[in-house]
Amino acid sequence: HDARRVAEEMGFPHYVLDYENIFKDAVI
């Protein structure tokens, strides 16, 4: 939420990417 708000305030696009599976396989 905080990252999205900064993007809105500064006027640039913001995307959230679901990396849960990648993170679990590669790190956890």
PDB file of all heavy atoms in Angstrom:
ATOM      1  N   HIS A   1       0.836  -1.212   0.000  1.00  0.00           N
ATOM      2  CA  HIS A   1       0.000   0.000   0.000  1.00  0.00           C
ATOM      3  C   HIS A   1       0.865   1.254   0.000  1.00  0.00           C
ATOM      4  O   HIS A   1       0.592   2.211  -0.740  1.00  0.00           O
ATOM      5  CB  HIS A   1      -0.910  -0.021   1.229  1.00  0.00           C
ATOM      6  CG  HIS A   1      -1.639   1.274   1.459  1.00  0.00           C
ATOM      7  ND1 HIS A   1      -2.724   1.671   0.697  1.00  0.00           N
ATOM      8  CD2 HIS A   1      -1.413   2.278   2.356  1.00  0.00           C
ATOM      9  CE1 HIS A   1      -3.138   2.861   1.117  1.00  0.00           C
ATOM     10  NE2 HIS A   1      -2.365   3.244   2.117  1.00  0.00           N
ATOM     11  N   ASP A   2       1.913   1.267   0.814  1.00  0.00           N
ATOM     12  CA  ASP A   2       2.784   2.447   0.889  1.00  0.00           C
ATOM     13  C   ASP A   2       3.481   2.699  -0.438  1.00  0.00           C
ATOM     14  O   ASP A   2       3.632   3.852  -0.866  1.00  0.00           O
ATOM     15  CB  ASP A   2       3.821   2.259   1.998  1.00  0.00           C
ATOM     16  CG  ASP A   2       3.219   2.393   3.393  1.00  0.00           C
ATOM     17  OD1 ASP A   2       2.103   2.962   3.507  1.00  0.00           O
ATOM     18  OD2 ASP A   2       3.856   1.930   4.362  1.00  0.00           O
ATOM     19  N   ALA A   3       3.940   1.637  -1.092  1.00  0.00           N
ATOM     20  CA  ALA A   3       4.608   1.796  -2.381  1.00  0.00           C
ATOM     21  C   ALA A   3       3.641   2.356  -3.426  1.00  0.00           C
ATOM     22  O   ALA A   3       3.991   3.259  -4.205  1.00  0.00           O
ATOM     23  CB  ALA A   3       5.169   0.454  -2.846  1.00  0.00           C
ATOM     24  N   ARG A   4       2.422   1.839  -3.427  1.00  0.00           N
ATOM     25  CA  ARG A   4       1.425   2.321  -4.394  1.00  0.00           C
ATOM     26  C   ARG A   4       1.099   3.799  -4.156  1.00  0.00           C
ATOM     27  O   ARG A   4       0.945   4.577  -5.106  1.00  0.00           O
ATOM     28  CB  ARG A   4       0.157   1.472  -4.270  1.00  0.00           C
ATOM     29  CG  ARG A   4      -0.952   1.877  -5.247  1.00  0.00           C
ATOM     30  CD  ARG A   4      -2.189   1.016  -5.084  1.00  0.00           C
ATOM     31  NE  ARG A   4      -1.942  -0.356  -5.509  1.00  0.00           N
ATOM     32  CZ  ARG A   4      -2.013  -1.405  -4.716  1.00  0.00           C
ATOM     33  NH1 ARG A   4      -2.297  -1.245  -3.422  1.00  0.00           N
ATOM     34  NH2 ARG A   4      -1.806  -2.611  -5.179  1.00  0.00           N
ATOM     35  N   ARG A   5       1.041   4.195  -2.903  1.00  0.00           N
ATOM     36  CA  ARG A   5       0.726   5.583  -2.580  1.00  0.00           C
ATOM     37  C   ARG A   5       1.833   6.528  -3.056  1.00  0.00           C
ATOM     38  O   ARG A   5       1.564   7.613  -3.578  1.00  0.00           O
ATOM     39  CB  ARG A   5       0.516   5.745  -1.069  1.00  0.00           C
ATOM     40  CG  ARG A   5       0.086   7.150  -0.654  1.00  0.00           C
ATOM     41  CD  ARG A   5      -0.316   7.185   0.799  1.00  0.00           C
ATOM     42  NE  ARG A   5       0.778   6.765   1.679  1.00  0.00           N
ATOM     43  CZ  ARG A   5       0.645   6.620   2.993  1.00  0.00           C
ATOM     44  NH1 ARG A   5      -0.522   6.850   3.576  1.00  0.00           N
ATOM     45  NH2 ARG A   5       1.686   6.253   3.733  1.00  0.00           N
ATOM     46  N   VAL A   6       3.097   6.115  -2.896  1.00  0.00           N
ATOM     47  CA  VAL A   6       4.211   6.940  -3.375  1.00  0.00           C
ATOM     48  C   VAL A   6       4.114   7.120  -4.880  1.00  0.00           C
ATOM     49  O   VAL A   6       4.305   8.230  -5.407  1.00  0.00           O
ATOM     50  CB  VAL A   6       5.561   6.296  -2.995  1.00  0.00           C
ATOM     51  CG1 VAL A   6       6.715   6.993  -3.713  1.00  0.00           C
ATOM     52  CG2 VAL A   6       5.774   6.353  -1.487  1.00  0.00           C
ATOM     53  N   ALA A   7       3.804   6.049  -5.590  1.00  0.00           N
ATOM     54  CA  ALA A   7       3.679   6.122  -7.049  1.00  0.00           C
ATOM     55  C   ALA A   7       2.556   7.073  -7.458  1.00  0.00           C
ATOM     56  O   ALA A   7       2.706   7.874  -8.395  1.00  0.00           O
ATOM     57  CB  ALA A   7       3.428   4.725  -7.620  1.00  0.00           C
ATOM     58  N   GLU A   8       1.449   7.006  -6.747  1.00  0.00           N
ATOM     59  CA  GLU A   8       0.322   7.897  -7.055  1.00  0.00           C
ATOM     60  C   GLU A   8       0.701   9.350  -6.813  1.00  0.00           C
ATOM     61  O   GLU A   8       0.401  10.235  -7.620  1.00  0.00           O
ATOM     62  CB  GLU A   8      -0.888   7.513  -6.209  1.00  0.00           C
ATOM     63  CG  GLU A   8      -1.525   6.184  -6.603  1.00  0.00           C
ATOM     64  CD  GLU A   8      -2.630   5.769  -5.646  1.00  0.00           C
ATOM     65  OE1 GLU A   8      -2.786   6.433  -4.591  1.00  0.00           O
ATOM     66  OE2 GLU A   8      -3.327   4.771  -5.940  1.00  0.00           O
ATOM     67  N   GLU A   9       1.394   9.595  -5.703  1.00  0.00           N
ATOM     68  CA  GLU A   9       1.765  10.967  -5.359  1.00  0.00           C
ATOM     69  C   GLU A   9       2.783  11.550  -6.335  1.00  0.00           C
ATOM     70  O   GLU A   9       2.744  12.739  -6.652  1.00  0.00           O
ATOM     71  CB  GLU A   9       2.332  11.007  -3.935  1.00  0.00           C
ATOM     72  CG  GLU A   9       1.294  10.724  -2.851  1.00  0.00           C
ATOM     73  CD  GLU A   9       1.925  10.587  -1.469  1.00  0.00           C
ATOM     74  OE1 GLU A   9       3.178  10.576  -1.392  1.00  0.00           O
ATOM     75  OE2 GLU A   9       1.174  10.486  -0.483  1.00  0.00           O
ATOM     76  N   MET A  10       3.675  10.712  -6.828  1.00  0.00           N
ATOM     77  CA  MET A  10       4.737  11.189  -7.716  1.00  0.00           C
ATOM     78  C   MET A  10       4.373  11.049  -9.188  1.00  0.00           C
ATOM     79  O   MET A  10       5.114  11.502 -10.065  1.00  0.00           O
ATOM     80  CB  MET A  10       6.047  10.438  -7.430  1.00  0.00           C
ATOM     81  CG  MET A  10       6.593  10.618  -6.016  1.00  0.00           C
ATOM     82  SD  MET A  10       6.873  12.359  -5.547  1.00  0.00           S
ATOM     83  CE  MET A  10       8.110  12.858  -6.752  1.00  0.00           C
ATOM     84  N   GLY A  11       3.236  10.393  -9.465  1.00  0.00           N
ATOM     85  CA  GLY A  11       2.723  10.367 -10.830  1.00  0.00           C
ATOM     86  C   GLY A  11       3.394   9.392 -11.776  1.00  0.00           C
ATOM     87  O   GLY A  11       3.559   9.677 -12.968  1.00  0.00           O
ATOM     88  N   PHE A  12       3.779   8.203 -11.294  1.00  0.00           N
ATOM     89  CA  PHE A  12       4.313   7.197 -12.206  1.00  0.00           C
ATOM     90  C   PHE A  12       3.572   5.877 -11.988  1.00  0.00           C
ATOM     91  O   PHE A  12       2.991   5.646 -10.919  1.00  0.00           O
ATOM     92  CB  PHE A  12       5.828   7.008 -12.020  1.00  0.00           C
ATOM     93  CG  PHE A  12       6.264   6.608 -10.639  1.00  0.00           C
ATOM     94  CD1 PHE A  12       6.225   5.281 -10.223  1.00  0.00           C
ATOM     95  CD2 PHE A  12       6.744   7.559  -9.738  1.00  0.00           C
ATOM     96  CE1 PHE A  12       6.631   4.920  -8.951  1.00  0.00           C
ATOM     97  CE2 PHE A  12       7.159   7.202  -8.467  1.00  0.00           C
ATOM     98  CZ  PHE A  12       7.097   5.878  -8.065  1.00  0.00           C
ATOM     99  N   PRO A  13       3.557   4.990 -12.985  1.00  0.00           N
ATOM    100  CA  PRO A  13       2.824   3.723 -12.849  1.00  0.00           C
ATOM    101  C   PRO A  13       3.471   2.794 -11.843  1.00  0.00           C
ATOM    102  O   PRO A  13       4.687   2.842 -11.619  1.00  0.00           O
ATOM    103  CB  PRO A  13       2.872   3.129 -14.263  1.00  0.00           C
ATOM    104  CG  PRO A  13       4.036   3.784 -14.924  1.00  0.00           C
ATOM    105  CD  PRO A  13       4.131   5.157 -14.334  1.00  0.00           C
ATOM    106  N   HIS A  14       2.645   1.949 -11.237  1.00  0.00           N
ATOM    107  CA  HIS A  14       3.124   1.016 -10.223  1.00  0.00           C
ATOM    108  C   HIS A  14       2.419  -0.315 -10.400  1.00  0.00           C
ATOM    109  O   HIS A  14       1.210  -0.375 -10.627  1.00  0.00           O
ATOM    110  CB  HIS A  14       2.834   1.565  -8.818  1.00  0.00           C
ATOM    111  CG  HIS A  14       3.168   0.611  -7.712  1.00  0.00           C
ATOM    112  ND1 HIS A  14       2.205  -0.147  -7.074  1.00  0.00           N
ATOM    113  CD2 HIS A  14       4.357   0.277  -7.153  1.00  0.00           C
ATOM    114  CE1 HIS A  14       2.793  -0.887  -6.144  1.00  0.00           C
ATOM    115  NE2 HIS A  14       4.091  -0.647  -6.174  1.00  0.00           N
ATOM    116  N   TYR A  15       3.207  -1.395 -10.317  1.00  0.00           N
ATOM    117  CA  TYR A  15       2.655  -2.733 -10.488  1.00  0.00           C
ATOM    118  C   TYR A  15       3.054  -3.613  -9.302  1.00  0.00           C
ATOM    119  O   TYR A  15       4.148  -3.489  -8.751  1.00  0.00           O
ATOM    120  CB  TYR A  15       3.179  -3.374 -11.777  1.00  0.00           C
ATOM    121  CG  TYR A  15       2.843  -2.585 -13.021  1.00  0.00           C
ATOM    122  CD1 TYR A  15       3.784  -1.714 -13.577  1.00  0.00           C
ATOM    123  CD2 TYR A  15       1.603  -2.695 -13.631  1.00  0.00           C
ATOM    124  CE1 TYR A  15       3.493  -0.974 -14.705  1.00  0.00           C
ATOM    125  CE2 TYR A  15       1.292  -1.956 -14.762  1.00  0.00           C
ATOM    126  CZ  TYR A  15       2.236  -1.094 -15.292  1.00  0.00           C
ATOM    127  OH  TYR A  15       1.940  -0.357 -16.402  1.00  0.00           O
ATOM    128  N   VAL A  16       2.145  -4.501  -8.916  1.00  0.00           N
ATOM    129  CA  VAL A  16       2.420  -5.503  -7.888  1.00  0.00           C
ATOM    130  C   VAL A  16       2.470  -6.858  -8.579  1.00  0.00           C
ATOM    131  O   VAL A  16       1.518  -7.248  -9.265  1.00  0.00           O
ATOM    132  CB  VAL A  16       1.333  -5.505  -6.790  1.00  0.00           C
ATOM    133  CG1 VAL A  16       1.627  -6.598  -5.759  1.00  0.00           C
ATOM    134  CG2 VAL A  16       1.246  -4.152  -6.114  1.00  0.00           C
ATOM    135  N   LEU A  17       3.575  -7.558  -8.415  1.00  0.00           N
ATOM    136  CA  LEU A  17       3.750  -8.859  -9.047  1.00  0.00           C
ATOM    137  C   LEU A  17       3.712  -9.959  -7.996  1.00  0.00           C
ATOM    138  O   LEU A  17       4.365  -9.865  -6.961  1.00  0.00           O
ATOM    139  CB  LEU A  17       5.097  -8.913  -9.787  1.00  0.00           C
ATOM    140  CG  LEU A  17       5.341  -7.823 -10.836  1.00  0.00           C
ATOM    141  CD1 LEU A  17       6.703  -8.027 -11.501  1.00  0.00           C
ATOM    142  CD2 LEU A  17       4.226  -7.819 -11.881  1.00  0.00           C
ATOM    143  N   ASP A  18       2.927 -10.995  -8.264  1.00  0.00           N
ATOM    144  CA  ASP A  18       2.802 -12.122  -7.343  1.00  0.00           C
ATOM    145  C   ASP A  18       3.961 -13.091  -7.588  1.00  0.00           C
ATOM    146  O   ASP A  18       3.965 -13.842  -8.560  1.00  0.00           O
ATOM    147  CB  ASP A  18       1.464 -12.827  -7.569  1.00  0.00           C
ATOM    148  CG  ASP A  18       1.243 -13.974  -6.583  1.00  0.00           C
ATOM    149  OD1 ASP A  18       2.172 -14.289  -5.813  1.00  0.00           O
ATOM    150  OD2 ASP A  18       0.144 -14.564  -6.582  1.00  0.00           O
ATOM    151  N   TYR A  19       4.943 -13.059  -6.695  1.00  0.00           N
ATOM    152  CA  TYR A  19       6.111 -13.919  -6.801  1.00  0.00           C
ATOM    153  C   TYR A  19       6.141 -14.954  -5.683  1.00  0.00           C
ATOM    154  O   TYR A  19       7.196 -15.488  -5.352  1.00  0.00           O
ATOM    155  CB  TYR A  19       7.392 -13.068  -6.725  1.00  0.00           C
ATOM    156  CG  TYR A  19       7.854 -12.495  -8.047  1.00  0.00           C
ATOM    157  CD1 TYR A  19       6.958 -12.182  -9.058  1.00  0.00           C
ATOM    158  CD2 TYR A  19       9.204 -12.267  -8.285  1.00  0.00           C
ATOM    159  CE1 TYR A  19       7.385 -11.645 -10.262  1.00  0.00           C
ATOM    160  CE2 TYR A  19       9.649 -11.731  -9.490  1.00  0.00           C
ATOM    161  CZ  TYR A  19       8.727 -11.423 -10.471  1.00  0.00           C
ATOM    162  OH  TYR A  19       9.164 -10.893 -11.658  1.00  0.00           O
ATOM    163  N   GLU A  20       4.980 -15.250  -5.100  1.00  0.00           N
ATOM    164  CA  GLU A  20       4.957 -16.155  -3.950  1.00  0.00           C
ATOM    165  C   GLU A  20       5.553 -17.520  -4.274  1.00  0.00           C
ATOM    166  O   GLU A  20       6.364 -18.054  -3.513  1.00  0.00           O
ATOM    167  CB  GLU A  20       3.524 -16.315  -3.434  1.00  0.00           C
ATOM    168  CG  GLU A  20       3.035 -15.147  -2.599  1.00  0.00           C
ATOM    169  CD  GLU A  20       1.729 -15.459  -1.880  1.00  0.00           C
ATOM    170  OE1 GLU A  20       1.566 -16.626  -1.445  1.00  0.00           O
ATOM    171  OE2 GLU A  20       0.896 -14.572  -1.750  1.00  0.00           O
ATOM    172  N   ASN A  21       5.159 -18.103  -5.397  1.00  0.00           N
ATOM    173  CA  ASN A  21       5.657 -19.436  -5.745  1.00  0.00           C
ATOM    174  C   ASN A  21       7.153 -19.412  -6.036  1.00  0.00           C
ATOM    175  O   ASN A  21       7.895 -20.305  -5.628  1.00  0.00           O
ATOM    176  CB  ASN A  21       4.887 -19.991  -6.947  1.00  0.00           C
ATOM    177  CG  ASN A  21       3.458 -20.359  -6.604  1.00  0.00           C
ATOM    178  OD1 ASN A  21       3.140 -20.630  -5.448  1.00  0.00           O
ATOM    179  ND2 ASN A  21       2.584 -20.363  -7.603  1.00  0.00           N
ATOM    180  N   ILE A  22       7.588 -18.383  -6.757  1.00  0.00           N
ATOM    181  CA  ILE A  22       9.015 -18.250  -7.068  1.00  0.00           C
ATOM    182  C   ILE A  22       9.812 -18.101  -5.777  1.00  0.00           C
ATOM    183  O   ILE A  22      10.856 -18.732  -5.586  1.00  0.00           O
ATOM    184  CB  ILE A  22       9.245 -17.033  -7.988  1.00  0.00           C
ATOM    185  CG1 ILE A  22       8.634 -17.290  -9.366  1.00  0.00           C
ATOM    186  CG2 ILE A  22      10.734 -16.710  -8.117  1.00  0.00           C
ATOM    187  CD1 ILE A  22       8.654 -16.081 -10.280  1.00  0.00           C
ATOM    188  N   PHE A  23       9.319 -17.263  -4.864  1.00  0.00           N
ATOM    189  CA  PHE A  23      10.005 -17.006  -3.606  1.00  0.00           C
ATOM    190  C   PHE A  23      10.089 -18.270  -2.755  1.00  0.00           C
ATOM    191  O   PHE A  23      11.125 -18.568  -2.160  1.00  0.00           O
ATOM    192  CB  PHE A  23       9.270 -15.901  -2.852  1.00  0.00           C
ATOM    193  CG  PHE A  23       9.956 -15.434  -1.595  1.00  0.00           C
ATOM    194  CD1 PHE A  23      11.173 -14.784  -1.639  1.00  0.00           C
ATOM    195  CD2 PHE A  23       9.365 -15.636  -0.358  1.00  0.00           C
ATOM    196  CE1 PHE A  23      11.804 -14.337  -0.487  1.00  0.00           C
ATOM    197  CE2 PHE A  23       9.979 -15.196   0.802  1.00  0.00           C
ATOM    198  CZ  PHE A  23      11.203 -14.548   0.730  1.00  0.00           C
ATOM    199  N   LYS A  24       8.996 -19.023  -2.717  1.00  0.00           N
ATOM    200  CA  LYS A  24       8.994 -20.258  -1.924  1.00  0.00           C
ATOM    201  C   LYS A  24       9.997 -21.256  -2.485  1.00  0.00           C
ATOM    202  O   LYS A  24      10.790 -21.843  -1.745  1.00  0.00           O
ATOM    203  CB  LYS A  24       7.600 -20.881  -1.903  1.00  0.00           C
ATOM    204  CG  LYS A  24       7.524 -22.155  -1.047  1.00  0.00           C
ATOM    205  CD  LYS A  24       6.124 -22.741  -1.040  1.00  0.00           C
ATOM    206  CE  LYS A  24       6.066 -23.948  -0.103  1.00  0.00           C
ATOM    207  NZ  LYS A  24       6.994 -25.025  -0.500  1.00  0.00           N
ATOM    208  N   ASP A  25       9.977 -21.427  -3.813  1.00  0.00           N
ATOM    209  CA  ASP A  25      10.862 -22.411  -4.431  1.00  0.00           C
ATOM    210  C   ASP A  25      12.333 -21.998  -4.354  1.00  0.00           C
ATOM    211  O   ASP A  25      13.206 -22.838  -4.122  1.00  0.00           O
ATOM    212  CB  ASP A  25      10.472 -22.629  -5.901  1.00  0.00           C
ATOM    213  CG  ASP A  25       9.109 -23.286  -6.051  1.00  0.00           C
ATOM    214  OD1 ASP A  25       8.620 -23.872  -5.070  1.00  0.00           O
ATOM    215  OD2 ASP A  25       8.532 -23.195  -7.162  1.00  0.00           O
ATOM    216  N   ALA A  26      12.611 -20.713  -4.552  1.00  0.00           N
ATOM    217  CA  ALA A  26      13.992 -20.255  -4.673  1.00  0.00           C
ATOM    218  C   ALA A  26      14.627 -19.870  -3.350  1.00  0.00           C
ATOM    219  O   ALA A  26      15.852 -19.873  -3.237  1.00  0.00           O
ATOM    220  CB  ALA A  26      14.049 -19.053  -5.637  1.00  0.00           C
ATOM    221  N   VAL A  27      13.806 -19.541  -2.344  1.00  0.00           N
ATOM    222  CA  VAL A  27      14.361 -19.000  -1.103  1.00  0.00           C
ATOM    223  C   VAL A  27      13.911 -19.785   0.127  1.00  0.00           C
ATOM    224  O   VAL A  27      14.739 -20.297   0.890  1.00  0.00           O
ATOM    225  CB  VAL A  27      13.988 -17.508  -0.935  1.00  0.00           C
ATOM    226  CG1 VAL A  27      14.565 -16.955   0.369  1.00  0.00           C
ATOM    227  CG2 VAL A  27      14.496 -16.696  -2.124  1.00  0.00           C
ATOM    228  N   ILE A  28      12.604 -19.884   0.341  1.00  0.00           N
ATOM    229  CA  ILE A  28      12.101 -20.451   1.592  1.00  0.00           C
ATOM    230  C   ILE A  28      12.445 -21.930   1.736  1.00  0.00           C
ATOM    231  O   ILE A  28      12.892 -22.377   2.795  1.00  0.00           O
ATOM    232  CB  ILE A  28      10.581 -20.237   1.716  1.00  0.00           C
ATOM    233  CG1 ILE A  28      10.272 -18.739   1.807  1.00  0.00           C
ATOM    234  CG2 ILE A  28      10.040 -20.959   2.943  1.00  0.00           C
ATOM    235  CD1 ILE A  28       8.783 -18.421   1.920  1.00  0.00           C
TER     236      ILE A  28
END
